[in-house]
Amino acid sequence: MTAEGFLEGRRLQMARGVLLQCIMGGYPPARFYGSDDGDLALNADPRQIHRLPWSETPRALAICDADELSGESSRLSTRGQLKQVIARYAALGLAPVVATELEFFVFAANDDPAQPFRPPVGLDGRREEGYSAFSVSSNNGLRPFFKEVYEGMAALGLPRDTFMHEMGVSQFEINLLHGDPLLLADQTFLFKHLLKEVALKHGLIVVCMAKPLAHTPGSSMHIHQSLVEISSGRNVFSDDAGQPTAMFRHFIGGLQAGLADFTALFAPNVNSYQRLCHPYASPNNACWSHDNRAAGLRIPASSPVARRVENRLPGADANPYLAIAASLAAGLHGIENELEPAAAIQGEFEVPDNLSLPCTLHAALERLKRSQLARELFGNEFIEGYIASKTMELTSFFDEITPWERRVLAAQA
């Protein structure tokens, strides 16, 4: 839209079906978004209108709500779903506080998808070999890229907590400061967009796949969650004596009850399960623990005022609005129904059958399809449409034969 049209308040409309567009560009049948495929209104959030500092031609980006023409939020909108979950907490006098940790890889340009990704050539003329994890000098070879990333974050109002080199080759992690869930989802989305745009300017690509390299840790989007009382700002996960509260237990119980049903929302792509099935600290379970990274739900070591639950299931490829909405909705389900969690686990452990999670996209979609809880929390329209779109993507994946199949199976009798 032109700047003039935007400033005049001209309404921007879009077909409902676009919210169910699959990653290859196609759409499920029209019955999933209304047979008429009528329009939605895109209404800009005035707090999320940004001049894009990396754009040579002046451009701005506005994050919008997708609303029905009658005024209510579209049930197909993941941002709208998150806003509804936040409103349900507000009705109880509670406000969720979240933070996201996003991991990503920086690679050299890759014009042949049949070839593996490679780390870029650094300022020293060499490619990283995997020796830079957590090093204070680990991003020196990418200093011009990261300099512009930091400048872009400042221009977009994205406060950063910590930034580090992660375990993988040319893999990095950012921790965004905790705050309002909608704000954090917006910031996570903006940061991923910034990364990809700035990388292109530097002849690089940023990849947020869950598992872009074999034999290498995948990329997660851990979600840290706590709840505060709106009237006082007190963390309701801790009592006056600094001990865990019943609400804390119920929140964990809700996550345990919902994690398997919601796996397809946290791990939305075929590649997501490469990360979960080869864990490298990417747990595929609904166990909970105090400071054990093998558990899907980890309680980080902290003071009582900062007591929180870390959901370690989502990958970097997850939709931040949907992943945060699903995690908070599951916790709220536990609070409203006073669900008690299983016993905490520590050390090495075996996952009980009732706390295991689907390990393929097909299994996760089948679990979601059968989930009455998902339909109660997100509505039939959203769940049916999401499954339809993801089923198209899964079918497209099975339309191709992989190099592994040609290499290993062709010689079989």
Protein backbone atom coordinates (compact mmCIF):
# COMPACT_ATOMS: atom_id res chain seq x y z
CA MET A 1 0.00 0.00 0.00
CA THR A 2 1.25 3.51 -0.67
CA ALA A 3 2.15 5.65 2.31
CA GLU A 4 -0.52 8.14 1.23
CA GLY A 5 -3.22 5.48 1.15
CA PHE A 6 -2.19 4.15 4.54
CA LEU A 7 -2.16 7.60 6.17
CA GLU A 8 -5.57 8.40 4.69
CA GLY A 9 -6.94 5.36 6.52
CA ARG A 10 -7.83 3.46 3.37
CA ARG A 11 -9.03 -0.02 4.33
CA LEU A 12 -6.88 -2.91 3.19
CA GLN A 13 -8.77 -6.13 2.52
CA MET A 14 -7.60 -9.67 1.82
CA ALA A 15 -9.29 -12.94 0.95
CA ARG A 16 -9.98 -15.15 4.00
CA GLY A 17 -8.29 -18.10 2.32
CA VAL A 18 -4.88 -16.42 2.49
CA LEU A 19 -4.75 -17.22 6.22
CA LEU A 20 -4.71 -20.92 5.29
CA GLN A 21 -2.22 -20.64 2.44
CA CYS A 22 0.26 -23.51 2.73
CA ILE A 23 4.02 -23.01 2.52
CA MET A 24 4.16 -24.10 -1.13
CA GLY A 25 1.64 -21.40 -2.06
CA GLY A 26 -1.53 -23.46 -2.57
CA TYR A 27 -4.79 -23.54 -0.64
CA PRO A 28 -7.01 -26.23 0.84
CA PRO A 29 -10.58 -26.51 -0.49
CA ALA A 30 -12.69 -23.38 -0.04
CA ARG A 31 -15.01 -25.06 2.46
CA PHE A 32 -12.28 -24.57 5.08
CA TYR A 33 -12.41 -20.78 4.86
CA GLY A 34 -15.92 -20.12 3.55
CA SER A 35 -17.08 -21.16 0.14
CA ASP A 36 -17.42 -17.54 -1.00
CA ASP A 37 -13.79 -16.81 0.02
CA GLY A 38 -14.90 -13.38 1.14
CA ASP A 39 -12.63 -10.61 2.38
CA LEU A 40 -11.09 -9.84 5.73
CA ALA A 41 -10.01 -6.37 6.85
CA LEU A 42 -6.35 -5.91 7.78
CA ASN A 43 -6.28 -3.39 10.63
CA ALA A 44 -2.84 -2.09 11.56
CA ASP A 45 -1.82 -2.16 15.21
CA PRO A 46 -0.70 1.45 15.80
CA ARG A 47 2.01 0.20 18.20
CA GLN A 48 3.55 -1.97 15.48
CA ILE A 49 4.21 0.33 12.53
CA HIS A 50 7.90 0.42 11.70
CA ARG A 51 10.18 2.09 9.18
CA LEU A 52 12.43 -0.67 7.82
CA PRO A 53 16.00 0.53 8.37
CA TRP A 54 17.60 -1.97 5.99
CA SER A 55 15.47 -0.95 2.99
CA GLU A 56 17.27 1.30 0.51
CA THR A 57 13.92 2.45 -0.89
CA PRO A 58 11.99 3.87 2.08
CA ARG A 59 9.44 1.29 3.24
CA ALA A 60 7.45 0.64 6.37
CA LEU A 61 5.88 -2.51 7.80
CA ALA A 62 2.65 -2.58 9.80
CA ILE A 63 1.60 -5.65 11.77
CA CYS A 64 -2.13 -6.06 11.30
CA ASP A 65 -5.03 -7.88 12.88
CA ALA A 66 -7.12 -9.92 10.44
CA ASP A 67 -10.72 -9.03 11.27
CA GLU A 68 -14.02 -10.05 9.74
CA LEU A 69 -15.80 -7.22 7.94
CA SER A 70 -18.40 -7.34 10.72
CA GLY A 71 -15.67 -6.28 13.17
CA GLU A 72 -14.78 -9.37 15.20
CA SER A 73 -11.39 -11.05 14.98
CA SER A 74 -11.13 -13.82 12.39
CA ARG A 75 -10.98 -17.27 13.96
CA LEU A 76 -8.37 -18.16 11.32
CA SER A 77 -5.95 -15.50 12.58
CA THR A 78 -3.18 -16.78 14.84
CA ARG A 79 -2.63 -13.27 16.24
CA GLY A 80 -6.34 -13.13 16.98
CA GLN A 81 -6.17 -16.52 18.70
CA LEU A 82 -3.38 -15.25 20.98
CA LYS A 83 -5.36 -12.10 21.85
CA GLN A 84 -8.34 -14.24 22.84
CA VAL A 85 -6.20 -16.39 25.16
CA ILE A 86 -4.80 -13.25 26.81
CA ALA A 87 -8.36 -11.94 27.29
CA ARG A 88 -9.38 -15.17 29.02
CA TYR A 89 -6.57 -14.70 31.52
CA ALA A 90 -7.55 -11.05 32.02
CA ALA A 91 -11.08 -12.15 32.93
CA LEU A 92 -9.50 -14.03 35.86
CA GLY A 93 -7.45 -11.00 36.90
CA LEU A 94 -4.25 -12.52 35.52
CA ALA A 95 -1.72 -11.42 32.91
CA PRO A 96 0.75 -13.87 31.30
CA VAL A 97 4.38 -12.82 31.00
CA VAL A 98 6.48 -14.57 28.38
CA ALA A 99 9.92 -14.48 26.81
CA THR A 100 11.19 -16.32 23.73
CA GLU A 101 14.61 -17.75 22.99
CA LEU A 102 15.13 -18.03 19.25
CA GLU A 103 17.93 -20.05 17.65
CA PHE A 104 18.91 -19.70 13.99
CA PHE A 105 21.69 -20.53 11.53
CA VAL A 106 23.63 -18.11 9.32
CA PHE A 107 24.75 -19.79 6.10
CA ALA A 108 26.40 -18.90 2.83
CA ALA A 109 24.02 -18.39 -0.06
CA ASN A 110 22.63 -21.74 -1.26
CA ASP A 111 21.22 -21.85 -4.79
CA ASP A 112 21.00 -25.65 -4.98
CA PRO A 113 18.64 -27.22 -2.42
CA ALA A 114 20.12 -30.64 -3.23
CA GLN A 115 23.36 -29.52 -1.56
CA PRO A 116 23.81 -29.14 2.23
CA PHE A 117 23.98 -25.72 3.80
CA ARG A 118 27.49 -24.40 4.45
CA PRO A 119 28.70 -21.78 6.93
CA PRO A 120 29.78 -18.51 5.34
CA VAL A 121 33.37 -17.44 4.73
CA GLY A 122 34.37 -15.18 7.61
CA LEU A 123 36.57 -12.11 7.59
CA ASP A 124 39.52 -14.44 8.20
CA GLY A 125 38.81 -16.20 4.89
CA ARG A 126 37.75 -19.46 6.55
CA ARG A 127 34.51 -21.31 7.18
CA GLU A 128 33.64 -22.20 10.74
CA GLU A 129 34.22 -25.85 11.60
CA GLY A 130 32.19 -26.02 14.81
CA TYR A 131 34.66 -24.84 17.42
CA SER A 132 32.99 -21.54 18.29
CA ALA A 133 30.11 -22.58 20.56
CA PHE A 134 29.69 -20.01 23.36
CA SER A 135 32.95 -18.31 22.37
CA VAL A 136 33.29 -14.56 23.01
CA SER A 137 34.88 -14.20 19.56
CA SER A 138 32.54 -16.56 17.75
CA ASN A 139 30.79 -14.02 15.52
CA ASN A 140 33.82 -11.95 14.53
CA GLY A 141 33.72 -13.35 11.00
CA LEU A 142 30.14 -12.10 10.69
CA ARG A 143 30.69 -8.77 12.41
CA PRO A 144 29.32 -6.57 9.57
CA PHE A 145 26.14 -8.66 9.44
CA PHE A 146 25.58 -8.60 13.20
CA LYS A 147 26.37 -4.88 13.38
CA GLU A 148 23.46 -4.17 11.04
CA VAL A 149 21.25 -6.65 12.91
CA TYR A 150 21.88 -4.78 16.19
CA GLU A 151 21.22 -1.45 14.50
CA GLY A 152 18.01 -2.81 13.00
CA MET A 153 16.83 -4.11 16.35
CA ALA A 154 17.37 -0.70 17.93
CA ALA A 155 15.48 1.00 15.10
CA LEU A 156 12.55 -1.41 15.45
CA GLY A 157 12.46 -1.10 19.23
CA LEU A 158 13.47 -4.72 19.83
CA PRO A 159 15.27 -4.89 23.20
CA ARG A 160 17.61 -7.83 23.44
CA ASP A 161 18.72 -9.60 26.57
CA THR A 162 21.55 -11.92 25.51
CA PHE A 163 23.00 -12.94 22.15
CA MET A 164 25.33 -15.91 21.81
CA HIS A 165 26.83 -18.50 19.51
CA GLU A 166 24.98 -21.76 20.03
CA MET A 167 26.17 -25.37 19.74
CA GLY A 168 25.72 -25.80 15.99
CA VAL A 169 28.06 -24.67 13.23
CA SER A 170 27.26 -20.99 12.58
CA GLN A 171 24.24 -21.26 14.89
CA PHE A 172 23.22 -18.37 17.12
CA GLU A 173 20.61 -17.60 19.77
CA ILE A 174 18.90 -14.45 20.97
CA ASN A 175 16.91 -14.09 24.19
CA LEU A 176 14.23 -11.43 23.96
CA LEU A 177 13.25 -9.59 27.15
CA HIS A 178 10.14 -10.91 28.91
CA GLY A 179 6.87 -9.04 28.66
CA ASP A 180 3.34 -9.07 27.26
CA PRO A 181 2.72 -12.20 25.13
CA LEU A 182 1.35 -10.30 22.13
CA LEU A 183 4.29 -7.90 22.18
CA LEU A 184 6.77 -10.80 22.39
CA ALA A 185 5.08 -12.61 19.50
CA ASP A 186 5.26 -9.42 17.42
CA GLN A 187 8.92 -8.92 18.38
CA THR A 188 9.80 -12.52 17.52
CA PHE A 189 8.13 -12.17 14.13
CA LEU A 190 9.88 -8.85 13.45
CA PHE A 191 13.25 -10.21 14.51
CA LYS A 192 13.00 -13.20 12.15
CA HIS A 193 11.99 -10.86 9.30
CA LEU A 194 14.89 -8.52 10.11
CA LEU A 195 17.38 -11.41 10.18
CA LYS A 196 16.42 -12.69 6.75
CA GLU A 197 16.35 -9.24 5.11
CA VAL A 198 19.70 -8.11 6.53
CA ALA A 199 21.31 -11.43 5.63
CA LEU A 200 20.37 -10.98 1.98
CA LYS A 201 22.09 -7.59 1.94
CA HIS A 202 25.29 -9.30 3.10
CA GLY A 203 25.14 -12.20 0.64
CA LEU A 204 24.06 -14.60 3.39
CA ILE A 205 20.95 -16.55 4.28
CA VAL A 206 19.42 -16.99 7.72
CA VAL A 207 17.66 -20.34 8.16
CA CYS A 208 15.06 -20.90 10.88
CA MET A 209 14.37 -24.51 10.00
CA ALA A 210 14.10 -26.74 13.05
CA LYS A 211 16.91 -29.01 11.77
CA PRO A 212 18.87 -27.68 8.77
CA LEU A 213 22.00 -29.80 9.32
CA ALA A 214 22.36 -33.50 10.08
CA HIS A 215 24.36 -34.55 13.16
CA THR A 216 24.00 -31.01 14.51
CA PRO A 217 21.71 -29.53 17.17
CA GLY A 218 18.47 -28.12 15.82
CA SER A 219 17.01 -24.67 16.39
CA SER A 220 14.38 -24.11 19.05
CA MET A 221 12.07 -21.32 20.14
CA HIS A 222 11.77 -21.97 23.87
CA ILE A 223 8.90 -20.12 25.54
CA HIS A 224 9.29 -18.94 29.16
CA GLN A 225 5.95 -18.32 30.89
CA SER A 226 4.78 -16.91 34.20
CA LEU A 227 1.57 -15.30 35.43
CA VAL A 228 1.12 -12.10 37.41
CA GLU A 229 -1.88 -10.75 39.25
CA ILE A 230 -3.04 -7.67 37.33
CA SER A 231 -3.96 -5.71 40.47
CA SER A 232 -0.65 -6.22 42.27
CA GLY A 233 1.90 -7.39 39.70
CA ARG A 234 2.69 -10.37 41.96
CA ASN A 235 3.93 -13.60 40.36
CA VAL A 236 1.15 -16.05 41.24
CA PHE A 237 3.47 -19.03 40.74
CA SER A 238 5.07 -18.21 44.14
CA ASP A 239 3.39 -17.67 47.51
CA ASP A 240 4.38 -15.19 50.23
CA ALA A 241 6.90 -17.67 51.59
CA GLY A 242 8.51 -18.09 48.16
CA GLN A 243 7.13 -21.58 47.65
CA PRO A 244 5.38 -22.90 44.49
CA THR A 245 1.61 -22.36 44.48
CA ALA A 246 -1.26 -24.61 43.47
CA MET A 247 -1.71 -22.41 40.39
CA PHE A 248 1.88 -23.18 39.40
CA ARG A 249 1.17 -26.92 39.63
CA HIS A 250 -2.10 -26.60 37.72
CA PHE A 251 -0.39 -24.63 34.94
CA ILE A 252 2.14 -27.44 34.50
CA GLY A 253 -0.68 -30.01 34.67
CA GLY A 254 -2.47 -28.23 31.83
CA LEU A 255 0.66 -28.20 29.70
CA GLN A 256 1.14 -31.91 30.30
CA ALA A 257 -2.49 -32.52 29.33
CA GLY A 258 -2.22 -30.49 26.11
CA LEU A 259 1.33 -30.88 24.80
CA ALA A 260 0.73 -34.08 22.82
CA ASP A 261 -2.52 -32.78 21.32
CA PHE A 262 -0.82 -29.50 20.36
CA THR A 263 2.46 -30.92 19.02
CA ALA A 264 1.49 -30.06 15.43
CA LEU A 265 1.09 -26.42 16.52
CA PHE A 266 4.55 -26.33 18.10
CA ALA A 267 6.25 -28.48 15.44
CA PRO A 268 4.44 -27.52 12.21
CA ASN A 269 6.69 -28.95 9.49
CA VAL A 270 8.09 -32.30 8.36
CA ASN A 271 11.55 -31.07 9.30
CA SER A 272 10.39 -30.20 12.83
CA TYR A 273 10.50 -33.88 13.76
CA GLN A 274 14.11 -34.25 12.65
CA ARG A 275 14.90 -31.98 15.60
CA LEU A 276 12.60 -33.79 18.03
CA CYS A 277 13.66 -37.32 17.09
CA HIS A 278 17.38 -36.51 17.40
CA PRO A 279 17.07 -34.51 20.58
CA TYR A 280 20.40 -32.77 21.34
CA ALA A 281 18.54 -31.04 24.23
CA SER A 282 15.34 -30.82 22.15
CA PRO A 283 13.02 -32.95 24.27
CA ASN A 284 10.08 -34.76 22.69
CA ASN A 285 8.23 -35.41 25.94
CA ALA A 286 5.78 -33.76 28.32
CA CYS A 287 7.77 -34.49 31.47
CA TRP A 288 8.64 -31.62 33.80
CA SER A 289 11.72 -31.04 35.89
CA HIS A 290 13.64 -28.51 37.91
CA ASP A 291 16.47 -27.33 35.63
CA ASN A 292 16.78 -30.51 33.54
CA ARG A 293 17.12 -29.79 29.83
CA ALA A 294 16.00 -33.30 28.90
CA ALA A 295 12.46 -32.46 30.04
CA GLY A 296 9.96 -30.85 27.69
CA LEU A 297 8.86 -28.58 30.54
CA ARG A 298 11.78 -27.14 32.48
CA ILE A 299 11.65 -24.95 35.58
CA PRO A 300 14.79 -22.81 35.33
CA ALA A 301 16.73 -22.05 38.48
CA SER A 302 15.49 -18.65 39.65
CA SER A 303 14.32 -16.59 42.60
CA PRO A 304 10.64 -17.01 43.63
CA VAL A 305 9.67 -13.73 41.99
CA ALA A 306 10.96 -15.05 38.65
CA ARG A 307 9.49 -18.57 38.93
CA ARG A 308 8.42 -19.63 35.43
CA VAL A 309 7.78 -22.61 33.18
CA GLU A 310 9.90 -23.09 30.06
CA ASN A 311 8.21 -24.94 27.20
CA ARG A 312 11.09 -26.47 25.24
CA LEU A 313 9.02 -28.15 22.53
CA PRO A 314 8.57 -25.37 19.93
CA GLY A 315 11.14 -25.11 17.16
CA ALA A 316 12.43 -21.98 15.47
CA ASP A 317 10.07 -22.80 12.59
CA ALA A 318 6.96 -22.42 14.76
CA ASN A 319 4.53 -19.52 14.31
CA PRO A 320 5.26 -17.43 17.44
CA TYR A 321 1.64 -16.27 17.81
CA LEU A 322 0.27 -19.79 17.60
CA ALA A 323 2.97 -21.42 19.73
CA ILE A 324 2.56 -18.89 22.55
CA ALA A 325 -1.25 -19.08 22.29
CA ALA A 326 -1.22 -22.89 22.47
CA SER A 327 1.19 -22.98 25.41
CA LEU A 328 -0.74 -20.39 27.42
CA ALA A 329 -4.10 -21.96 26.53
CA ALA A 330 -2.93 -25.34 27.80
CA GLY A 331 -1.74 -23.77 31.06
CA LEU A 332 -5.06 -21.97 31.49
CA HIS A 333 -6.91 -25.23 30.89
CA GLY A 334 -4.94 -26.71 33.79
CA ILE A 335 -5.73 -23.78 36.07
CA GLU A 336 -9.45 -23.78 35.28
CA ASN A 337 -9.72 -27.53 35.83
CA GLU A 338 -7.21 -27.72 38.71
CA LEU A 339 -5.15 -30.39 36.94
CA GLU A 340 -2.29 -31.89 38.90
CA PRO A 341 0.96 -32.68 37.07
CA ALA A 342 2.82 -35.96 37.17
CA ALA A 343 5.75 -36.16 39.52
CA ALA A 344 8.80 -34.11 38.55
CA ILE A 345 11.71 -36.03 37.04
CA GLN A 346 15.44 -35.49 37.59
CA GLY A 347 18.62 -36.96 36.15
CA GLU A 348 18.40 -39.57 33.41
CA PHE A 349 14.90 -40.89 32.95
CA GLU A 350 12.64 -42.92 30.68
CA VAL A 351 9.58 -41.16 29.31
CA PRO A 352 6.30 -42.76 30.43
CA ASP A 353 3.97 -43.67 27.56
CA ASN A 354 1.37 -41.14 28.68
CA LEU A 355 3.92 -38.30 28.47
CA SER A 356 5.42 -39.19 25.08
CA LEU A 357 4.68 -37.01 22.06
CA PRO A 358 3.99 -37.70 18.37
CA CYS A 359 7.26 -38.13 16.47
CA THR A 360 6.10 -37.42 12.89
CA LEU A 361 3.98 -34.69 11.35
CA HIS A 362 1.44 -37.30 10.24
CA ALA A 363 1.07 -38.63 13.79
CA ALA A 364 0.85 -35.11 15.21
CA LEU A 365 -1.90 -34.11 12.77
CA GLU A 366 -3.84 -37.28 13.56
CA ARG A 367 -3.56 -36.47 17.27
CA LEU A 368 -4.71 -32.90 16.64
CA LYS A 369 -7.60 -34.14 14.53
CA ARG A 370 -8.87 -36.26 17.45
CA SER A 371 -8.34 -33.56 20.08
CA GLN A 372 -11.52 -32.24 21.64
CA LEU A 373 -9.38 -29.94 23.77
CA ALA A 374 -7.89 -28.23 20.71
CA ARG A 375 -11.36 -27.65 19.28
CA GLU A 376 -12.64 -26.24 22.55
CA LEU A 377 -9.73 -23.81 22.86
CA PHE A 378 -9.24 -22.76 19.22
CA GLY A 379 -12.54 -23.58 17.52
CA ASN A 380 -13.42 -26.13 14.85
CA GLU A 381 -12.86 -23.66 12.00
CA PHE A 382 -9.26 -23.00 12.92
CA ILE A 383 -8.34 -26.60 13.73
CA GLU A 384 -9.95 -28.03 10.58
CA GLY A 385 -8.35 -25.37 8.39
CA TYR A 386 -4.92 -25.80 9.97
CA ILE A 387 -5.04 -29.57 9.50
CA ALA A 388 -6.15 -29.17 5.89
CA SER A 389 -3.27 -26.81 5.09
CA LYS A 390 -0.64 -28.94 6.85
CA THR A 391 -1.96 -32.10 5.19
CA MET A 392 -1.34 -30.46 1.81
CA GLU A 393 2.24 -29.76 2.85
CA LEU A 394 2.77 -33.32 4.04
CA THR A 395 1.36 -34.68 0.77
CA SER A 396 3.72 -32.41 -1.19
CA PHE A 397 6.67 -33.77 0.80
CA PHE A 398 5.71 -37.36 -0.04
CA ASP A 399 5.49 -36.41 -3.71
CA GLU A 400 9.30 -36.27 -3.79
CA ILE A 401 11.91 -39.02 -3.47
CA THR A 402 14.81 -38.07 -1.21
CA PRO A 403 18.53 -38.59 -1.92
CA TRP A 404 18.65 -41.09 0.99
CA GLU A 405 16.06 -43.30 -0.71
CA ARG A 406 17.97 -43.25 -4.02
CA ARG A 407 21.32 -43.83 -2.33
CA VAL A 408 20.32 -46.61 0.07
CA LEU A 409 17.30 -48.35 -1.41
CA ALA A 410 18.10 -48.46 -5.15
CA ALA A 411 20.52 -51.36 -4.75
CA GLN A 412 18.18 -53.44 -2.61
CA ALA A 413 16.89 -56.68 -4.05
